[in-house]
Protein backbone atom coordinates (compact mmCIF):
# COMPACT_ATOMS: atom_id res chain seq x y z
CA MET A 1 51.58 30.20 -3.12
CA ILE A 2 50.79 28.94 -6.63
CA ASP A 3 48.98 25.95 -5.15
CA GLU A 4 46.88 28.30 -3.05
CA LEU A 5 45.94 30.39 -6.12
CA GLU A 6 45.09 27.28 -8.11
CA SER A 7 42.80 26.05 -5.33
CA ARG A 8 41.06 29.44 -5.20
CA ILE A 9 40.61 29.46 -8.97
CA ALA A 10 39.23 25.91 -8.85
CA SER A 11 36.67 26.94 -6.25
CA LEU A 12 35.67 29.99 -8.33
CA ARG A 13 34.59 27.73 -11.19
CA ASP A 14 31.66 26.61 -9.05
CA VAL A 15 30.48 30.17 -8.39
CA ALA A 16 27.30 31.19 -10.20
CA THR A 17 27.21 34.40 -12.17
CA LYS A 18 24.38 36.92 -12.08
CA GLY A 19 23.28 35.57 -15.44
CA ASP A 20 23.18 32.02 -14.07
CA LEU A 21 21.12 33.19 -11.12
CA GLU A 22 18.72 35.09 -13.37
CA LEU A 23 18.23 32.02 -15.58
CA ALA A 24 17.59 29.87 -12.53
CA LYS A 25 15.13 32.45 -11.21
CA LEU A 26 13.21 32.56 -14.49
CA ALA A 27 13.13 28.77 -14.72
CA LEU A 28 11.78 28.52 -11.18
CA GLN A 29 9.15 31.20 -11.83
CA LYS A 30 7.99 29.32 -14.92
CA GLU A 31 7.82 26.05 -12.99
CA ILE A 32 5.92 27.71 -10.14
CA GLU A 33 3.39 29.13 -12.60
CA GLN A 34 2.91 25.71 -14.20
CA VAL A 35 2.34 24.12 -10.79
CA ARG A 36 -0.08 26.91 -9.86
CA LEU A 37 -2.13 26.36 -13.02
CA SER A 38 -2.15 22.61 -12.47
CA LEU A 39 -3.34 23.04 -8.89
CA GLN A 40 -6.06 25.47 -9.96
CA LYS A 41 -7.37 22.89 -12.46
CA GLU A 42 -7.32 20.13 -9.84
CA ILE A 43 -9.05 22.33 -7.27
CA GLU A 44 -11.77 23.23 -9.78
CA GLN A 45 -12.31 19.54 -10.60
CA VAL A 46 -12.60 18.67 -6.92
CA ARG A 47 -14.98 21.59 -6.34
CA LEU A 48 -17.24 20.48 -9.19
CA SER A 49 -17.16 16.90 -7.96
CA LEU A 50 -18.12 17.99 -4.45
CA GLU A 51 -20.94 20.18 -5.74
CA ARG A 52 -22.29 17.27 -7.77
CA ARG A 53 -22.08 14.93 -4.76
CA ILE A 54 -23.78 17.49 -2.50
CA GLU A 55 -26.67 17.76 -4.97
CA GLU A 56 -27.01 13.96 -5.00
CA VAL A 57 -27.11 13.87 -1.20
CA LYS A 58 -29.68 16.70 -1.11
CA ALA A 59 -31.94 14.78 -3.49
CA SER A 60 -31.57 11.64 -1.39
CA VAL A 61 -32.42 13.51 1.82
CA VAL A 62 -35.50 15.07 0.21
CA LYS A 63 -36.69 11.61 -0.89
CA TRP A 64 -36.28 10.25 2.64
CA VAL A 65 -38.02 13.23 4.24
CA VAL A 66 -40.97 13.02 1.84
CA GLY A 67 -41.24 9.29 2.45
CA LEU A 68 -41.15 9.76 6.21
CA LEU A 69 -43.79 12.51 6.03
CA VAL A 70 -46.10 10.23 4.05
CA LEU A 71 -45.50 7.42 6.54
CA GLN A 72 -46.06 9.73 9.50
CA THR A 73 -49.30 11.01 7.98
CA GLY A 74 -50.48 7.44 7.46
CA VAL A 75 -49.69 6.55 11.07
CA ILE A 76 -51.52 9.63 12.38
CA VAL A 77 -54.59 8.91 10.22
CA SER A 78 -54.58 5.28 11.40
CA MET A 79 -54.34 6.34 15.05
CA ILE A 80 -57.23 8.77 14.63
CA ALA A 81 -59.30 6.03 12.95
CA LEU A 82 -58.56 3.65 15.84
CA VAL A 83 -59.53 6.22 18.46
CA ARG A 84 -62.98 6.78 16.92
């Protein structure tokens, strides 16, 4: 019987108290908030990077379109001149 009580007492040492659980909860909440802030910063950096890249691509597309329009106009003018 004493051995049984000693084994129960030994297993109770591993039981967390309400205070232990509250401390763990607060620590986890703090860690979650830190991770959330870190992710928000990373997401903002990626968003800005994508916006910058999109603007670069837009400018490149506009240059190509303008160049093709000039070329197309030249071809049309040349064809009209050849037909006359």
